[in-house]
Amino acid sequence: MKVRAYIAAFAAALAAAQASAQTPAPQPAADTLALPLDEAVRRAVEHNPDLEVVRLGTEVEAAAVGESRTAYTPVFSTTLGRSSNTTPPTNFLLGNAGVDARDWFSSTGVRQRVPWGNGTWSVSWDASRTTSNSPLTSFDPSVQSGVQFAFSQPLVRDRKIDAARQQFIIAKRNQESSELRFRESAVQTVAAVKQAYWTLKALRANVAVQQRSLELAQELAAQNRVRVQVGQAPPLDLVQVEAEVAERRENLIRAAAAADDAEDRLRRLIIDPADASFWRVRLDPIDEPGARPALTDVDAVVARALDARYDVARAVNEVRNAATSVEYFSNQKLPDVRLETSYRGTGLGGSQLVRTGAFPGVVTGRADAGFGDVLGQVFGHDYPTWSFGVTVSYPVGRSFEEMSAVRAGVERRRSAERVASLKLDVAEAIRQAARQVRSTAEREEAARAGATLAEQRLDVERRRYDAGLSTSFFVTQAQRDLLQAQVNLLQATLDCQSALVSFEALQLAPAIGDGDAIGVSGSNVVSVPTRTPGGIFRPGASVF
């Protein structure tokens, strides 16, 4: 009877304890997404907004290249207007009346900087129709037109490189660097997704471990409650076990909250923000850690990384940009020697006044010359004007360009030192990551063995407890050891996966730290106006 009563009391107490200890199950999410690792990476590449920011940065740099090319765009200009000019008499031949002159005029031209040699050419056309009451004029109205060709070629300064070419070269390199930065950010994003994926999986497994630990403590509490009721155990044993149940319930709550935080971190990386179910979808990482790949020669990996790392390539581009600036400013220290040449053809027509008698004569008729006659004069070389010469200018004393060249040289040396320092950092980081892979793999094997032994110890201790050869204290201690061993195994497995992810990513990109912003710095392109060559003429001489 005592045995039957004991069994019945134990069964009733166990059922009551389990019913009271169970917490309401969380409501399932609106949607559950079974998520393989490859799918998580694909979603991140397509939807991650931080990565999109960097991709747009590449478009900004491509636009900057287009901006720098505009320095070689032909510039078209035109002017159309009318003027009226009344001047007081300054000549005794004009009498006391003023002179009225009225013009219709237009001017059209094109100028362009030449990409090769950095010269500048221009072609312009002008025409005017003038009426005047001056007794000295020979045409009323007069029609005048002209076409001018001009070319300016730098011979020393600006011939090999000028401001426009410097900007174009640097903008092209910055575009290449922005593309490298995008690839670097993609590698970092993929690494972050993999880290978040395995972290979520480990924390979900930790919830299961904590839940099982709580159930074991609840079973032990139920057994102790029965034993206290039948007088086989002191009440203090029940208090001790119930305190353990409360502590493990708290651990379960903490583990569930940590898993929810990890799910949000992964969700933030892969879910499209425009998706209405962004915060409602439940992520279920279904992949399991694969076999640990054998590490190859670390020195060979370091050597390949020094050539493949995107940040090293970007740093090398910075050295090249600095070298281009040195070349430009060194060129600007040279004398500005330019070959200037121009040719202009002019034509004149209209209604010519025919005069007879002594000067200034009496108008006795008109001889009309149309615009076709004017064009014939322009292109028939009737009134040519040309020039050919060389201009030279050179600053006396220390110039801005000379000091800029000194500064650019220092910047180039500093950029080169940055590359050397970065390569040392790359080698150190990869070697450290390789050691981390080895050590975490060994830790995982040790933790797995420890978890197996802890489970065996708990099984032995429970059988001893059931046989009355042990106490609840030793069973609780064995449960704690098993829980700690299982948590250690989860942590070692997560650390090993994280080390593998880092080792893989570090061969192409640096690790991204907390608070680091993924972005790209744009380059500034300033407008470089195209000068208008006009030839070279004796001071005071008229061009026309």
Protein backbone atom coordinates (compact mmCIF):
# COMPACT_ATOMS: atom_id res chain seq x y z
CA MET A 1 0.00 0.00 0.00
CA LYS A 2 2.77 2.39 0.81
CA VAL A 3 4.41 1.75 -2.56
CA ARG A 4 1.13 2.28 -4.47
CA ALA A 5 0.40 5.45 -2.49
CA TYR A 6 3.87 6.75 -3.18
CA ILE A 7 3.54 6.11 -6.94
CA ALA A 8 0.09 7.70 -7.11
CA ALA A 9 1.21 10.77 -5.15
CA PHE A 10 4.30 11.11 -7.31
CA ALA A 11 2.29 10.94 -10.57
CA ALA A 12 -0.23 13.51 -9.33
CA ALA A 13 2.47 15.88 -8.10
CA LEU A 14 4.41 15.56 -11.37
CA ALA A 15 1.34 16.36 -13.47
CA ALA A 16 0.46 19.33 -11.28
CA ALA A 17 4.01 20.68 -11.39
CA GLN A 18 4.19 20.41 -15.18
CA ALA A 19 0.81 22.09 -15.62
CA SER A 20 1.72 24.99 -13.31
CA ALA A 21 5.21 25.46 -14.69
CA GLN A 22 4.29 25.58 -18.36
CA THR A 23 4.02 29.06 -19.78
CA PRO A 24 1.65 29.94 -22.60
CA ALA A 25 3.24 29.14 -25.95
CA PRO A 26 3.94 32.18 -28.09
CA GLN A 27 1.55 32.74 -30.94
CA PRO A 28 3.03 31.71 -34.26
CA ALA A 29 4.14 34.50 -36.53
CA ALA A 30 2.00 35.48 -39.44
CA ASP A 31 4.57 33.94 -41.83
CA THR A 32 7.52 31.62 -41.32
CA LEU A 33 10.33 31.79 -43.83
CA ALA A 34 12.37 28.61 -44.15
CA LEU A 35 15.72 30.21 -44.86
CA PRO A 36 18.76 28.45 -46.33
CA LEU A 37 22.03 30.32 -46.01
CA ASP A 38 22.35 30.90 -49.76
CA GLU A 39 18.88 32.43 -49.86
CA ALA A 40 19.75 34.76 -46.98
CA VAL A 41 22.85 35.95 -48.84
CA ARG A 42 20.89 36.47 -52.05
CA ARG A 43 18.24 38.51 -50.28
CA ALA A 44 20.88 40.66 -48.60
CA VAL A 45 22.60 41.45 -51.89
CA GLU A 46 19.26 42.42 -53.44
CA HIS A 47 17.60 44.27 -50.58
CA ASN A 48 20.20 45.52 -48.09
CA PRO A 49 19.84 49.33 -48.02
CA ASP A 50 23.40 49.94 -46.82
CA LEU A 51 24.74 48.03 -49.81
CA GLU A 52 22.43 50.02 -52.06
CA VAL A 53 23.96 53.23 -50.66
CA VAL A 54 27.40 52.07 -51.78
CA ARG A 55 26.09 50.98 -55.18
CA LEU A 56 24.62 54.44 -55.69
CA GLY A 57 28.03 55.82 -54.73
CA THR A 58 29.46 54.08 -57.81
CA GLU A 59 26.89 55.89 -59.93
CA VAL A 60 27.93 59.18 -58.32
CA GLU A 61 31.55 58.52 -59.28
CA ALA A 62 30.50 57.57 -62.82
CA ALA A 63 28.67 60.91 -63.02
CA ALA A 64 31.85 62.62 -61.79
CA VAL A 65 33.73 61.07 -64.70
CA GLY A 66 31.08 62.50 -67.00
CA GLU A 67 31.50 65.87 -65.32
CA SER A 68 35.25 65.82 -65.93
CA ARG A 69 34.68 64.96 -69.60
CA THR A 70 32.63 68.11 -70.06
CA ALA A 71 35.89 70.08 -70.09
CA TYR A 72 36.32 68.76 -73.67
CA THR A 73 32.77 69.49 -74.74
CA PRO A 74 32.49 72.05 -77.58
CA VAL A 75 31.06 75.35 -76.36
CA PHE A 76 28.64 77.10 -78.68
CA SER A 77 27.89 80.80 -78.18
CA THR A 78 25.84 83.30 -80.12
CA THR A 79 24.88 86.92 -79.77
CA LEU A 80 22.13 88.87 -81.57
CA GLY A 81 21.40 92.49 -80.84
CA ARG A 82 20.72 96.02 -81.94
CA SER A 83 22.48 99.21 -80.86
CA SER A 84 22.11 102.93 -81.41
CA ASN A 85 24.95 105.39 -80.90
CA THR A 86 24.75 109.17 -81.13
CA THR A 87 28.07 110.97 -80.78
CA PRO A 88 28.78 114.72 -80.63
CA PRO A 89 30.69 116.29 -83.54
CA THR A 90 34.45 115.93 -82.99
CA ASN A 91 35.51 116.89 -86.53
CA PHE A 92 35.01 120.15 -88.42
CA LEU A 93 33.79 118.12 -91.36
CA LEU A 94 30.77 116.97 -89.34
CA GLY A 95 29.46 120.49 -88.73
CA ASN A 96 27.41 121.12 -85.61
CA ALA A 97 25.16 118.09 -85.90
CA GLY A 98 25.81 114.88 -84.06
CA VAL A 99 26.39 111.55 -85.79
CA ASP A 100 23.79 108.81 -85.47
CA ALA A 101 24.81 105.18 -86.04
CA ARG A 102 22.40 102.27 -85.73
CA ASP A 103 23.45 98.61 -85.87
CA TRP A 104 21.95 95.19 -86.24
CA PHE A 105 24.66 92.70 -85.33
CA SER A 106 25.15 89.01 -84.64
CA SER A 107 28.05 86.77 -83.67
CA THR A 108 28.22 82.97 -83.52
CA GLY A 109 31.12 80.77 -82.54
CA VAL A 110 32.31 77.37 -81.33
CA ARG A 111 35.36 76.66 -79.20
CA GLN A 112 36.71 73.42 -77.78
CA ARG A 113 39.58 72.09 -75.70
CA VAL A 114 41.40 69.30 -77.53
CA PRO A 115 41.84 66.09 -75.45
CA TRP A 116 45.26 65.38 -77.00
CA GLY A 117 47.90 68.02 -76.49
CA ASN A 118 45.45 70.17 -74.46
CA GLY A 119 45.25 72.83 -77.15
CA THR A 120 42.18 74.97 -77.86
CA TRP A 121 40.58 75.87 -81.19
CA SER A 122 37.77 78.23 -82.06
CA VAL A 123 35.72 79.22 -85.09
CA SER A 124 33.58 82.34 -85.05
CA TRP A 125 31.34 84.16 -87.52
CA ASP A 126 30.05 87.70 -87.17
CA ALA A 127 27.84 89.96 -89.28
CA SER A 128 26.46 93.48 -88.89
CA ARG A 129 24.30 96.01 -90.72
CA THR A 130 24.97 99.67 -89.88
CA THR A 131 23.20 102.88 -90.89
CA SER A 132 24.81 106.28 -90.23
CA ASN A 133 24.28 109.95 -91.14
CA SER A 134 27.99 110.70 -91.07
CA PRO A 135 29.14 112.60 -94.18
CA LEU A 136 32.38 110.59 -94.03
CA THR A 137 30.80 107.17 -94.46
CA SER A 138 31.15 105.39 -97.76
CA PHE A 139 28.28 102.91 -97.24
CA ASP A 140 24.80 103.60 -95.96
CA PRO A 141 23.69 101.09 -94.96
CA SER A 142 26.87 99.05 -94.69
CA VAL A 143 26.96 95.26 -94.38
CA GLN A 144 30.07 93.73 -92.84
CA SER A 145 30.90 90.12 -92.08
CA GLY A 146 33.89 88.05 -91.10
CA VAL A 147 34.98 84.52 -90.16
CA GLN A 148 37.88 83.76 -87.83
CA PHE A 149 39.83 80.59 -87.10
CA ALA A 150 42.15 80.50 -84.08
CA PHE A 151 44.24 77.87 -82.34
CA SER A 152 46.28 77.96 -79.14
CA GLN A 153 48.72 75.16 -78.30
CA PRO A 154 50.68 74.93 -75.03
CA LEU A 155 54.26 73.87 -75.69
CA VAL A 156 55.61 73.37 -72.15
CA ARG A 157 53.15 73.88 -69.30
CA ASP A 158 49.76 72.16 -69.77
CA ARG A 159 50.90 70.22 -72.85
CA LYS A 160 51.28 66.83 -71.18
CA ILE A 161 48.76 67.38 -68.38
CA ASP A 162 46.51 70.24 -67.42
CA ALA A 163 43.74 70.79 -64.86
CA ALA A 164 41.09 69.17 -67.04
CA ARG A 165 43.16 66.07 -67.74
CA GLN A 166 44.18 65.76 -64.09
CA GLN A 167 40.53 65.81 -63.04
CA PHE A 168 39.59 63.22 -65.66
CA ILE A 169 42.37 60.81 -64.65
CA ILE A 170 41.57 61.11 -60.94
CA ALA A 171 37.82 60.81 -61.56
CA LYS A 172 38.39 57.59 -63.51
CA ARG A 173 40.45 56.15 -60.67
CA ASN A 174 37.87 57.24 -58.12
CA GLN A 175 35.21 55.47 -60.15
CA GLU A 176 37.33 52.32 -60.08
CA SER A 177 37.81 52.76 -56.33
CA SER A 178 34.06 53.15 -55.81
CA GLU A 179 33.47 49.90 -57.68
CA LEU A 180 36.08 48.24 -55.48
CA ARG A 181 34.35 49.72 -52.43
CA PHE A 182 31.06 48.24 -53.61
CA ARG A 183 32.64 44.80 -53.95
CA GLU A 184 34.25 45.25 -50.55
CA SER A 185 30.90 46.21 -49.03
CA ALA A 186 29.26 43.23 -50.70
CA VAL A 187 31.83 40.92 -49.11
CA GLN A 188 31.30 42.59 -45.73
CA THR A 189 27.52 42.35 -46.10
CA VAL A 190 27.68 38.66 -47.01
CA ALA A 191 29.96 38.04 -44.02
CA ALA A 192 27.59 39.94 -41.73
CA VAL A 193 24.64 37.88 -43.03
CA LYS A 194 26.48 34.61 -42.44
CA GLN A 195 27.48 35.73 -38.95
CA ALA A 196 23.91 36.75 -38.16
CA TYR A 197 22.56 33.51 -39.65
CA TRP A 198 24.74 31.22 -37.53
CA THR A 199 24.22 33.42 -34.47
CA LEU A 200 20.46 33.11 -34.80
CA LYS A 201 20.73 29.36 -35.26
CA ALA A 202 22.96 29.02 -32.19
CA LEU A 203 20.69 31.19 -30.03
CA ARG A 204 17.62 29.24 -31.16
CA ALA A 205 19.46 26.07 -30.16
CA ASN A 206 20.32 27.71 -26.85
CA VAL A 207 16.60 28.33 -26.24
CA ALA A 208 15.99 24.63 -26.75
CA VAL A 209 18.83 23.75 -24.38
CA GLN A 210 17.52 26.15 -21.74
CA GLN A 211 13.98 24.78 -22.19
CA ARG A 212 15.20 21.20 -21.72
CA SER A 213 17.21 22.26 -18.67
CA LEU A 214 14.10 23.85 -17.19
CA GLU A 215 12.10 20.68 -17.82
CA LEU A 216 14.74 18.58 -16.07
CA ALA A 217 14.63 20.92 -13.06
CA GLN A 218 10.83 20.75 -13.01
CA GLU A 219 10.91 16.94 -13.08
CA LEU A 220 13.36 16.91 -10.17
CA ALA A 221 11.19 19.40 -8.27
CA ALA A 222 8.16 17.15 -8.77
CA GLN A 223 10.07 14.14 -7.46
CA ASN A 224 11.30 16.11 -4.44
CA ARG A 225 7.78 17.33 -3.73
CA VAL A 226 6.54 13.74 -3.56
CA ARG A 227 9.45 12.70 -1.38
CA VAL A 228 8.82 15.57 1.01
CA GLN A 229 5.13 14.66 1.19
CA VAL A 230 5.91 11.05 2.11
CA GLY A 231 8.70 12.08 4.51
CA GLN A 232 11.59 10.70 2.51
CA ALA A 233 13.34 14.07 2.01
CA PRO A 234 13.63 17.24 4.09
CA PRO A 235 11.67 20.34 2.93
CA LEU A 236 14.97 22.16 2.35
CA ASP A 237 15.67 19.92 -0.67
CA LEU A 238 12.40 21.05 -2.25
CA VAL A 239 13.20 24.72 -1.64
CA GLN A 240 16.60 24.27 -3.22
CA VAL A 241 15.20 22.60 -6.34
CA GLU A 242 12.36 25.11 -6.74
CA ALA A 243 14.93 27.94 -6.56
CA GLU A 244 16.82 26.17 -9.35
CA VAL A 245 13.60 26.01 -11.40
CA ALA A 246 13.08 29.76 -10.99
CA GLU A 247 16.66 30.49 -12.04
CA ARG A 248 16.42 28.29 -15.13
CA ARG A 249 13.11 29.89 -16.10
CA GLU A 250 14.86 33.25 -15.97
CA ASN A 251 17.67 31.86 -18.13
CA LEU A 252 15.09 30.66 -20.65
CA ILE A 253 13.51 34.12 -20.81
CA ARG A 254 16.91 35.70 -21.39
CA ALA A 255 17.75 33.15 -24.09
CA ALA A 256 14.45 33.76 -25.89
CA ALA A 257 14.99 37.52 -25.85
CA ALA A 258 18.53 37.12 -27.20
CA ALA A 259 17.22 34.90 -30.00
CA ASP A 260 14.58 37.49 -30.91
CA ASP A 261 17.27 40.19 -31.03
CA ALA A 262 19.40 37.99 -33.31
CA GLU A 263 16.41 37.41 -35.57
CA ASP A 264 15.91 41.18 -35.89
CA ARG A 265 19.57 41.63 -36.77
CA LEU A 266 19.32 39.05 -39.55
CA ARG A 267 15.99 40.49 -40.68
CA ARG A 268 17.55 43.93 -40.90
CA LEU A 269 20.18 42.59 -43.27
CA ILE A 270 18.05 40.57 -45.69
CA ILE A 271 14.42 41.71 -45.72
CA ASP A 272 13.23 44.32 -48.18
CA PRO A 273 12.13 47.36 -46.09
CA ALA A 274 9.32 47.95 -48.58
CA ASP A 275 7.82 44.56 -47.66
CA ALA A 276 4.76 45.06 -45.47
CA SER A 277 5.60 41.91 -43.48
CA PHE A 278 9.09 43.19 -42.65
CA TRP A 279 8.73 42.81 -38.87
CA ARG A 280 6.16 40.00 -38.84
CA VAL A 281 7.89 37.28 -40.82
CA ARG A 282 9.60 34.65 -38.69
CA LEU A 283 12.99 33.50 -39.93
CA ASP A 284 13.82 29.82 -39.66
CA PRO A 285 17.50 29.09 -40.49
CA ILE A 286 17.36 25.51 -41.76
CA ASP A 287 20.97 24.90 -42.83
CA GLU A 288 23.38 23.05 -40.57
CA PRO A 289 27.11 23.80 -40.23
CA GLY A 290 29.08 21.91 -42.84
CA ALA A 291 32.35 20.07 -42.62
CA ARG A 292 35.33 22.11 -41.55
CA PRO A 293 37.58 22.73 -44.57
CA ALA A 294 41.26 22.02 -44.13
CA LEU A 295 43.37 25.16 -44.00
CA THR A 296 45.81 25.57 -46.85
CA ASP A 297 49.19 27.25 -46.63
CA VAL A 298 48.51 30.46 -44.70
CA ASP A 299 51.49 32.25 -46.23
CA ALA A 300 50.11 31.56 -49.71
CA VAL A 301 46.71 32.85 -48.58
CA VAL A 302 48.34 36.05 -47.30
CA ALA A 303 50.22 36.53 -50.57
CA ARG A 304 47.02 36.13 -52.59
CA ALA A 305 45.13 38.48 -50.28
CA LEU A 306 47.68 41.25 -50.74
CA ASP A 307 46.82 41.19 -54.45
CA ALA A 308 43.08 40.52 -54.08
CA ARG A 309 42.05 42.72 -51.15
CA TYR A 310 39.81 45.53 -52.35
CA ASP A 311 40.98 47.98 -49.71
CA VAL A 312 44.61 47.46 -50.76
CA ALA A 313 43.64 48.14 -54.37
CA ARG A 314 41.82 51.31 -53.30
CA ALA A 315 44.85 52.44 -51.32
CA VAL A 316 47.07 51.85 -54.37
CA ASN A 317 44.69 54.02 -56.39
CA GLU A 318 45.17 56.76 -53.82
CA VAL A 319 48.92 56.53 -54.37
CA ARG A 320 48.36 56.81 -58.12
CA ASN A 321 46.09 59.80 -57.65
CA ALA A 322 48.76 61.47 -55.53
CA ALA A 323 51.34 60.70 -58.23
CA THR A 324 49.06 62.30 -60.83
CA SER A 325 48.79 65.41 -58.65
CA VAL A 326 52.58 65.51 -58.33
CA GLU A 327 52.89 65.26 -62.11
CA TYR A 328 50.32 68.02 -62.62
CA PHE A 329 51.78 70.50 -60.14
CA SER A 330 55.33 69.77 -61.32
CA ASN A 331 54.16 70.57 -64.83
CA GLN A 332 52.58 73.78 -63.59
CA LYS A 333 55.98 74.99 -62.35
CA LEU A 334 57.22 75.15 -65.95
CA PRO A 335 57.00 78.31 -68.08
CA ASP A 336 53.71 78.85 -69.87
CA VAL A 337 54.82 78.87 -73.51
CA ARG A 338 52.01 78.89 -76.05
CA LEU A 339 51.83 78.91 -79.81
CA GLU A 340 49.06 81.31 -80.85
CA THR A 341 47.77 81.47 -84.40
CA SER A 342 44.67 82.94 -86.05
CA TYR A 343 43.24 83.86 -89.41
CA ARG A 344 40.31 86.15 -90.23
CA GLY A 345 38.62 86.92 -93.51
CA THR A 346 36.52 90.10 -93.74
CA GLY A 347 34.01 91.38 -96.25
CA LEU A 348 32.25 94.73 -96.69
CA GLY A 349 29.20 95.61 -98.73
CA GLY A 350 25.87 97.37 -98.70
CA SER A 351 24.79 100.53 -100.48
CA GLN A 352 27.97 102.38 -101.48
CA LEU A 353 27.67 106.17 -101.87
CA VAL A 354 29.10 107.53 -105.15
CA ARG A 355 30.61 110.97 -104.58
CA THR A 356 31.84 113.60 -107.06
CA GLY A 357 33.64 116.87 -106.59
CA ALA A 358 36.17 118.01 -104.01
CA PHE A 359 36.44 116.21 -100.67
CA PRO A 360 34.20 115.11 -99.12
CA GLY A 361 32.26 115.28 -102.39
CA VAL A 362 28.61 115.26 -103.27
CA VAL A 363 26.62 112.04 -103.35
CA THR A 364 25.53 111.54 -106.96
CA GLY A 365 24.48 107.88 -106.85
CA ARG A 366 24.65 104.47 -105.21
CA ALA A 367 26.32 101.20 -106.06
CA ASP A 368 24.73 98.26 -104.26
CA ALA A 369 26.80 95.24 -103.16
CA GLY A 370 24.73 92.36 -101.77
CA PHE A 371 25.52 89.92 -98.99
CA GLY A 372 26.77 87.43 -101.58
CA ASP A 373 29.49 89.91 -102.53
CA VAL A 374 30.39 90.22 -98.85
CA LEU A 375 30.72 86.43 -98.55
CA GLY A 376 32.86 86.37 -101.67
CA GLN A 377 35.24 88.83 -100.04
CA VAL A 378 35.28 86.84 -96.79
CA PHE A 379 36.23 83.54 -98.43
CA GLY A 380 38.10 85.10 -101.34
CA HIS A 381 40.83 86.43 -99.08
CA ASP A 382 40.25 90.02 -100.17
CA TYR A 383 40.92 91.39 -96.69
CA PRO A 384 42.90 88.76 -94.75
CA THR A 385 44.14 89.24 -91.21
CA TRP A 386 46.42 86.62 -89.67
CA SER A 387 48.81 86.24 -86.80
CA PHE A 388 51.38 83.69 -85.69
CA GLY A 389 53.48 83.94 -82.57
CA VAL A 390 54.55 82.63 -79.19
CA THR A 391 53.63 83.91 -75.73
CA VAL A 392 55.74 83.19 -72.65
CA SER A 393 54.90 83.77 -68.98
CA TYR A 394 56.73 82.60 -65.89
CA PRO A 395 56.34 83.57 -62.23
CA VAL A 396 59.29 85.22 -60.55
CA GLY A 397 59.93 83.75 -57.09
CA ARG A 398 58.14 80.90 -55.35
CA SER A 399 54.80 80.27 -57.01
CA PHE A 400 51.61 78.66 -55.78
CA GLU A 401 52.21 75.76 -58.17
CA GLU A 402 55.69 75.13 -56.72
CA MET A 403 54.38 74.90 -53.17
CA SER A 404 51.47 72.75 -54.36
CA ALA A 405 53.98 70.36 -55.94
CA VAL A 406 55.80 70.09 -52.58
CA ARG A 407 52.52 69.32 -50.81
CA ALA A 408 51.52 66.76 -53.46
CA GLY A 409 54.88 65.01 -53.05
CA VAL A 410 54.34 64.67 -49.32
CA GLU A 411 50.83 63.33 -49.93
CA ARG A 412 52.22 60.72 -52.32
CA ARG A 413 54.79 59.53 -49.78
CA ARG A 414 52.14 59.41 -47.07
CA SER A 415 49.81 57.39 -49.31
CA ALA A 416 52.62 54.95 -50.06
CA GLU A 417 53.27 54.49 -46.34
CA ARG A 418 49.55 53.85 -45.83
CA VAL A 419 49.71 51.03 -48.38
CA ALA A 420 52.72 49.49 -46.60
CA SER A 421 50.97 49.73 -43.24
CA LEU A 422 47.75 48.32 -44.68
CA LYS A 423 49.57 45.31 -46.11
CA LEU A 424 51.03 44.59 -42.68
CA ASP A 425 47.53 44.80 -41.18
CA VAL A 426 46.20 42.42 -43.85
CA ALA A 427 48.90 39.84 -43.17
CA GLU A 428 48.41 40.06 -39.42
CA ALA A 429 44.60 39.84 -39.65
CA ILE A 430 44.63 36.78 -41.93
CA ARG A 431 47.23 34.94 -39.88
CA GLN A 432 45.24 35.66 -36.73
CA ALA A 433 42.02 34.50 -38.44
CA ALA A 434 43.70 31.25 -39.49
CA ARG A 435 44.80 30.59 -35.92
CA GLN A 436 41.25 31.38 -34.78
CA VAL A 437 39.86 28.76 -37.18
CA ARG A 438 42.22 26.11 -35.84
CA SER A 439 41.67 26.95 -32.17
CA THR A 440 37.87 27.15 -32.43
CA ALA A 441 37.74 23.81 -34.29
CA GLU A 442 39.74 22.23 -31.48
CA ARG A 443 37.51 23.93 -28.90
CA GLU A 444 34.43 22.53 -30.64
CA GLU A 445 35.78 18.98 -30.49
CA ALA A 446 36.65 19.39 -26.82
CA ALA A 447 33.26 20.91 -26.03
CA ARG A 448 31.46 18.08 -27.84
CA ALA A 449 33.35 15.52 -25.78
CA GLY A 450 32.61 17.47 -22.60
CA ALA A 451 28.87 17.60 -23.42
CA THR A 452 28.79 13.83 -24.03
CA LEU A 453 30.52 13.13 -20.72
CA ALA A 454 28.26 15.56 -18.85
CA GLU A 455 25.17 13.83 -20.26
CA GLN A 456 26.52 10.45 -19.18
CA ARG A 457 27.28 11.79 -15.72
CA LEU A 458 23.74 13.16 -15.35
CA ASP A 459 22.28 9.81 -16.43
CA VAL A 460 24.38 8.02 -13.81
CA GLU A 461 23.47 10.56 -11.12
CA ARG A 462 19.75 10.26 -11.87
CA ARG A 463 19.88 6.46 -11.57
CA ARG A 464 21.74 6.81 -8.27
CA TYR A 465 19.09 9.32 -7.13
CA ASP A 466 16.25 6.98 -8.10
CA ALA A 467 17.97 4.22 -6.15
CA GLY A 468 18.35 6.44 -3.10
CA LEU A 469 22.13 6.59 -3.38
CA SER A 470 22.34 10.31 -4.24
CA THR A 471 20.66 13.57 -3.32
CA SER A 472 18.89 16.28 -5.28
CA PHE A 473 21.92 18.52 -4.76
CA PHE A 474 24.19 16.26 -6.82
CA VAL A 475 21.50 15.78 -9.48
CA THR A 476 21.06 19.56 -9.72
CA GLN A 477 24.81 20.00 -9.98
CA ALA A 478 24.95 17.40 -12.77
CA GLN A 479 22.15 19.20 -14.58
CA ARG A 480 24.01 22.48 -14.27
CA ASP A 481 27.17 20.86 -15.62
CA LEU A 482 25.26 19.42 -18.57
CA LEU A 483 23.65 22.79 -19.29
CA GLN A 484 27.01 24.54 -19.16
CA ALA A 485 28.62 21.88 -21.36
CA GLN A 486 25.85 22.18 -23.96
CA VAL A 487 26.06 25.99 -23.91
CA ASN A 488 29.84 25.71 -24.29
CA LEU A 489 29.35 23.42 -27.29
CA LEU A 490 26.95 25.89 -28.90
CA GLN A 491 29.35 28.76 -28.27
CA ALA A 492 32.32 26.82 -29.64
CA THR A 493 30.33 25.82 -32.74
CA LEU A 494 29.26 29.44 -33.30
CA ASP A 495 32.81 30.68 -32.76
CA CYS A 496 34.12 28.14 -35.26
CA GLN A 497 31.56 29.16 -37.90
CA SER A 498 32.29 32.83 -37.24
CA ALA A 499 36.02 32.21 -37.58
CA LEU A 500 35.50 30.47 -40.92
CA VAL A 501 33.32 33.31 -42.17
CA SER A 502 35.89 35.90 -41.08
CA PHE A 503 38.79 33.97 -42.59
CA GLU A 504 36.97 33.76 -45.90
CA ALA A 505 35.94 37.43 -45.92
CA LEU A 506 39.30 38.80 -44.77
CA GLN A 507 40.92 37.51 -47.95
CA LEU A 508 38.92 40.11 -49.92
CA ALA A 509 37.87 42.84 -47.51
CA PRO A 510 38.61 44.15 -44.02
CA ALA A 511 36.35 43.35 -41.13
CA ILE A 512 33.68 45.95 -40.41
CA GLY A 513 33.56 47.04 -36.81
CA ASP A 514 30.67 48.23 -34.71
CA GLY A 515 29.67 51.74 -35.66
CA ASP A 516 31.50 51.68 -38.98
CA ALA A 517 29.46 53.29 -41.71
CA ILE A 518 29.28 51.65 -45.11
CA GLY A 519 29.63 54.43 -47.65
CA VAL A 520 31.83 55.94 -50.26
CA SER A 521 33.40 59.36 -50.37
CA GLY A 522 32.74 61.20 -53.59
CA SER A 523 35.25 63.21 -55.55
CA ASN A 524 34.78 66.86 -56.38
CA VAL A 525 34.98 67.96 -59.99
CA VAL A 526 35.21 71.68 -60.64
CA SER A 527 34.33 73.36 -63.89
CA VAL A 528 37.37 74.09 -66.07
CA PRO A 529 36.27 76.75 -68.60
CA THR A 530 37.57 76.55 -72.15
CA ARG A 531 39.57 79.63 -73.05
CA THR A 532 38.92 81.38 -76.37
CA PRO A 533 42.04 81.64 -78.53
CA GLY A 534 42.27 84.95 -80.35
CA GLY A 535 45.69 84.92 -81.92
CA ILE A 536 48.49 87.35 -81.16
CA PHE A 537 48.61 90.96 -82.41
CA ARG A 538 50.80 93.99 -81.92
CA PRO A 539 49.49 96.08 -78.99
CA GLY A 540 47.42 98.96 -80.27
CA ALA A 541 46.87 97.41 -83.70
CA SER A 542 43.34 96.71 -84.84
CA VAL A 543 42.36 93.11 -85.42
CA PHE A 544 39.88 94.03 -88.11
